[in-house]
Amino acid sequence: MTGICYMVTATLPSEAVAEEYVAWLRDGHVAQVIAGGARTGMIVRLDVEAGGLARVMTQYVFASRTAFDQYVRQHAPALRAEGLRRFGAETGVRFERAVGEVG
């Protein structure tokens, strides 16, 4: 194992909201997760099928489960709260999270 991958996928109601979300990620959120313990962060605009909604996946790699758990305890609550203030349910944005080992 070479680390833990933490993935957050946002399903966004429009291209305008998707652009705003990606700008927010680029303008500091990804850097804040890295400062909180991730080794790397990557923004992926997922392909949209005909008539589908915009989707953006952010992937972060942590050196170990311990590093990820520390991030979850110490940094994630404030960062998630900030994201929900900007892109909460009332905006139509839906979030999914997944965690797995990098092989």
C-alpha atoms as a PDB file:
ATOM      1  CA  MET A   1       0.000   0.000   0.000  1.00  0.00           C
ATOM      2  CA  THR A   2       1.255   3.463  -0.891  1.00  0.00           C
ATOM      3  CA  GLY A   3      -1.368   5.580   0.809  1.00  0.00           C
ATOM      4  CA  ILE A   4      -5.021   6.421   1.294  1.00  0.00           C
ATOM      5  CA  CYS A   5      -7.092   8.050  -1.446  1.00  0.00           C
ATOM      6  CA  TYR A   6      -9.944  10.277  -0.316  1.00  0.00           C
ATOM      7  CA  MET A   7     -12.404  11.165  -3.068  1.00  0.00           C
ATOM      8  CA  VAL A   8     -15.173  13.761  -2.955  1.00  0.00           C
ATOM      9  CA  THR A   9     -17.586  13.843  -5.882  1.00  0.00           C
ATOM     10  CA  ALA A  10     -19.887  16.834  -6.267  1.00  0.00           C
ATOM     11  CA  THR A  11     -22.920  16.644  -8.547  1.00  0.00           C
ATOM     12  CA  LEU A  12     -23.789  20.173  -9.572  1.00  0.00           C
ATOM     13  CA  PRO A  13     -27.103  21.501 -10.930  1.00  0.00           C
ATOM     14  CA  SER A  14     -25.623  23.651 -13.710  1.00  0.00           C
ATOM     15  CA  GLU A  15     -22.431  24.493 -15.535  1.00  0.00           C
ATOM     16  CA  ALA A  16     -22.377  27.909 -13.846  1.00  0.00           C
ATOM     17  CA  VAL A  17     -22.386  26.319 -10.394  1.00  0.00           C
ATOM     18  CA  ALA A  18     -19.752  23.813 -11.562  1.00  0.00           C
ATOM     19  CA  GLU A  19     -17.471  26.645 -12.667  1.00  0.00           C
ATOM     20  CA  GLU A  20     -17.953  28.434  -9.332  1.00  0.00           C
ATOM     21  CA  TYR A  21     -17.223  25.204  -7.445  1.00  0.00           C
ATOM     22  CA  VAL A  22     -14.033  24.461  -9.413  1.00  0.00           C
ATOM     23  CA  ALA A  23     -12.847  28.043  -8.884  1.00  0.00           C
ATOM     24  CA  TRP A  24     -13.398  27.638  -5.128  1.00  0.00           C
ATOM     25  CA  LEU A  25     -11.412  24.396  -5.145  1.00  0.00           C
ATOM     26  CA  ARG A  26      -8.547  25.983  -7.106  1.00  0.00           C
ATOM     27  CA  ASP A  27      -8.551  29.223  -5.130  1.00  0.00           C
ATOM     28  CA  GLY A  28      -7.719  27.586  -1.835  1.00  0.00           C
ATOM     29  CA  HIS A  29      -9.765  24.575  -0.771  1.00  0.00           C
ATOM     30  CA  VAL A  30      -7.448  21.948  -2.289  1.00  0.00           C
ATOM     31  CA  ALA A  31      -4.433  23.752  -0.804  1.00  0.00           C
ATOM     32  CA  GLN A  32      -6.125  23.741   2.618  1.00  0.00           C
ATOM     33  CA  VAL A  33      -6.657  19.962   2.464  1.00  0.00           C
ATOM     34  CA  ILE A  34      -2.992  19.532   1.507  1.00  0.00           C
ATOM     35  CA  ALA A  35      -1.995  21.791   4.414  1.00  0.00           C
ATOM     36  CA  GLY A  36      -4.159  19.539   6.598  1.00  0.00           C
ATOM     37  CA  GLY A  37      -2.120  16.461   5.712  1.00  0.00           C
ATOM     38  CA  ALA A  38      -2.747  15.291   2.145  1.00  0.00           C
ATOM     39  CA  ARG A  39       0.312  14.693  -0.036  1.00  0.00           C
ATOM     40  CA  THR A  40      -1.494  15.600  -3.254  1.00  0.00           C
ATOM     41  CA  GLY A  41      -4.809  16.920  -4.489  1.00  0.00           C
ATOM     42  CA  MET A  42      -6.333  16.719  -7.957  1.00  0.00           C
ATOM     43  CA  ILE A  43      -9.530  18.155  -9.466  1.00  0.00           C
ATOM     44  CA  VAL A  44     -11.207  16.000 -12.136  1.00  0.00           C
ATOM     45  CA  ARG A  45     -14.119  17.247 -14.257  1.00  0.00           C
ATOM     46  CA  LEU A  46     -16.020  14.051 -14.980  1.00  0.00           C
ATOM     47  CA  ASP A  47     -17.489  13.481 -18.423  1.00  0.00           C
ATOM     48  CA  VAL A  48     -21.162  14.394 -18.629  1.00  0.00           C
ATOM     49  CA  GLU A  49     -23.505  12.077 -20.449  1.00  0.00           C
ATOM     50  CA  ALA A  50     -26.183  13.610 -22.674  1.00  0.00           C
ATOM     51  CA  GLY A  51     -28.643  15.524 -20.515  1.00  0.00           C
ATOM     52  CA  GLY A  52     -26.654  14.781 -17.358  1.00  0.00           C
ATOM     53  CA  LEU A  53     -25.541  17.037 -14.557  1.00  0.00           C
ATOM     54  CA  ALA A  54     -22.027  18.389 -14.155  1.00  0.00           C
ATOM     55  CA  ARG A  55     -19.836  16.327 -11.804  1.00  0.00           C
ATOM     56  CA  VAL A  56     -16.474  17.152 -10.271  1.00  0.00           C
ATOM     57  CA  MET A  57     -14.317  14.677  -8.358  1.00  0.00           C
ATOM     58  CA  THR A  58     -11.539  15.839  -6.085  1.00  0.00           C
ATOM     59  CA  GLN A  59      -8.958  13.213  -5.145  1.00  0.00           C
ATOM     60  CA  TYR A  60      -6.526  13.541  -2.273  1.00  0.00           C
ATOM     61  CA  VAL A  61      -3.773  11.088  -1.366  1.00  0.00           C
ATOM     62  CA  PHE A  62      -2.640  10.769   2.242  1.00  0.00           C
ATOM     63  CA  ALA A  63       0.570   8.966   3.251  1.00  0.00           C
ATOM     64  CA  SER A  64      -1.232   6.641   5.659  1.00  0.00           C
ATOM     65  CA  ARG A  65      -4.539   5.855   7.328  1.00  0.00           C
ATOM     66  CA  THR A  66      -3.189   7.615  10.416  1.00  0.00           C
ATOM     67  CA  ALA A  67      -2.550  10.811   8.432  1.00  0.00           C
ATOM     68  CA  PHE A  68      -6.040  10.623   6.918  1.00  0.00           C
ATOM     69  CA  ASP A  69      -7.681   9.985  10.306  1.00  0.00           C
ATOM     70  CA  GLN A  70      -5.835  12.966  11.760  1.00  0.00           C
ATOM     71  CA  TYR A  71      -7.085  15.133   8.872  1.00  0.00           C
ATOM     72  CA  VAL A  72     -10.658  13.940   9.496  1.00  0.00           C
ATOM     73  CA  ARG A  73     -10.448  14.782  13.201  1.00  0.00           C
ATOM     74  CA  GLN A  74      -8.564  18.074  13.061  1.00  0.00           C
ATOM     75  CA  HIS A  75      -9.236  19.737   9.702  1.00  0.00           C
ATOM     76  CA  ALA A  76     -12.196  18.203   7.875  1.00  0.00           C
ATOM     77  CA  PRO A  77     -15.016  19.579  10.065  1.00  0.00           C
ATOM     78  CA  ALA A  78     -14.151  23.237   9.376  1.00  0.00           C
ATOM     79  CA  LEU A  79     -13.409  22.637   5.685  1.00  0.00           C
ATOM     80  CA  ARG A  80     -16.640  20.699   5.160  1.00  0.00           C
ATOM     81  CA  ALA A  81     -18.614  23.405   6.963  1.00  0.00           C
ATOM     82  CA  GLU A  82     -17.129  26.040   4.653  1.00  0.00           C
ATOM     83  CA  GLY A  83     -18.090  23.975   1.612  1.00  0.00           C
ATOM     84  CA  LEU A  84     -21.637  23.537   2.874  1.00  0.00           C
ATOM     85  CA  ARG A  85     -21.961  27.274   3.532  1.00  0.00           C
ATOM     86  CA  ARG A  86     -21.111  27.934  -0.117  1.00  0.00           C
ATOM     87  CA  PHE A  87     -22.597  24.850  -1.791  1.00  0.00           C
ATOM     88  CA  GLY A  88     -25.181  23.453   0.620  1.00  0.00           C
ATOM     89  CA  ALA A  89     -28.335  21.519  -0.217  1.00  0.00           C
ATOM     90  CA  GLU A  90     -30.239  24.709  -1.056  1.00  0.00           C
ATOM     91  CA  THR A  91     -27.909  25.208  -4.055  1.00  0.00           C
ATOM     92  CA  GLY A  92     -28.750  21.773  -5.443  1.00  0.00           C
ATOM     93  CA  VAL A  93     -25.206  20.429  -5.001  1.00  0.00           C
ATOM     94  CA  ARG A  94     -24.875  16.834  -3.778  1.00  0.00           C
ATOM     95  CA  PHE A  95     -21.679  15.395  -2.300  1.00  0.00           C
ATOM     96  CA  GLU A  96     -20.460  11.800  -2.136  1.00  0.00           C
ATOM     97  CA  ARG A  97     -17.307  10.703  -0.341  1.00  0.00           C
ATOM     98  CA  ALA A  98     -15.228   7.529  -0.674  1.00  0.00           C
ATOM     99  CA  VAL A  99     -11.988   6.348   0.888  1.00  0.00           C
ATOM    100  CA  GLY A 100      -9.707   3.543  -0.256  1.00  0.00           C
ATOM    101  CA  GLU A 101      -6.184   2.198  -0.211  1.00  0.00           C
ATOM    102  CA  VAL A 102      -3.833   3.081  -3.058  1.00  0.00           C
ATOM    103  CA  GLY A 103      -2.223  -0.109  -4.367  1.00  0.00           C
END
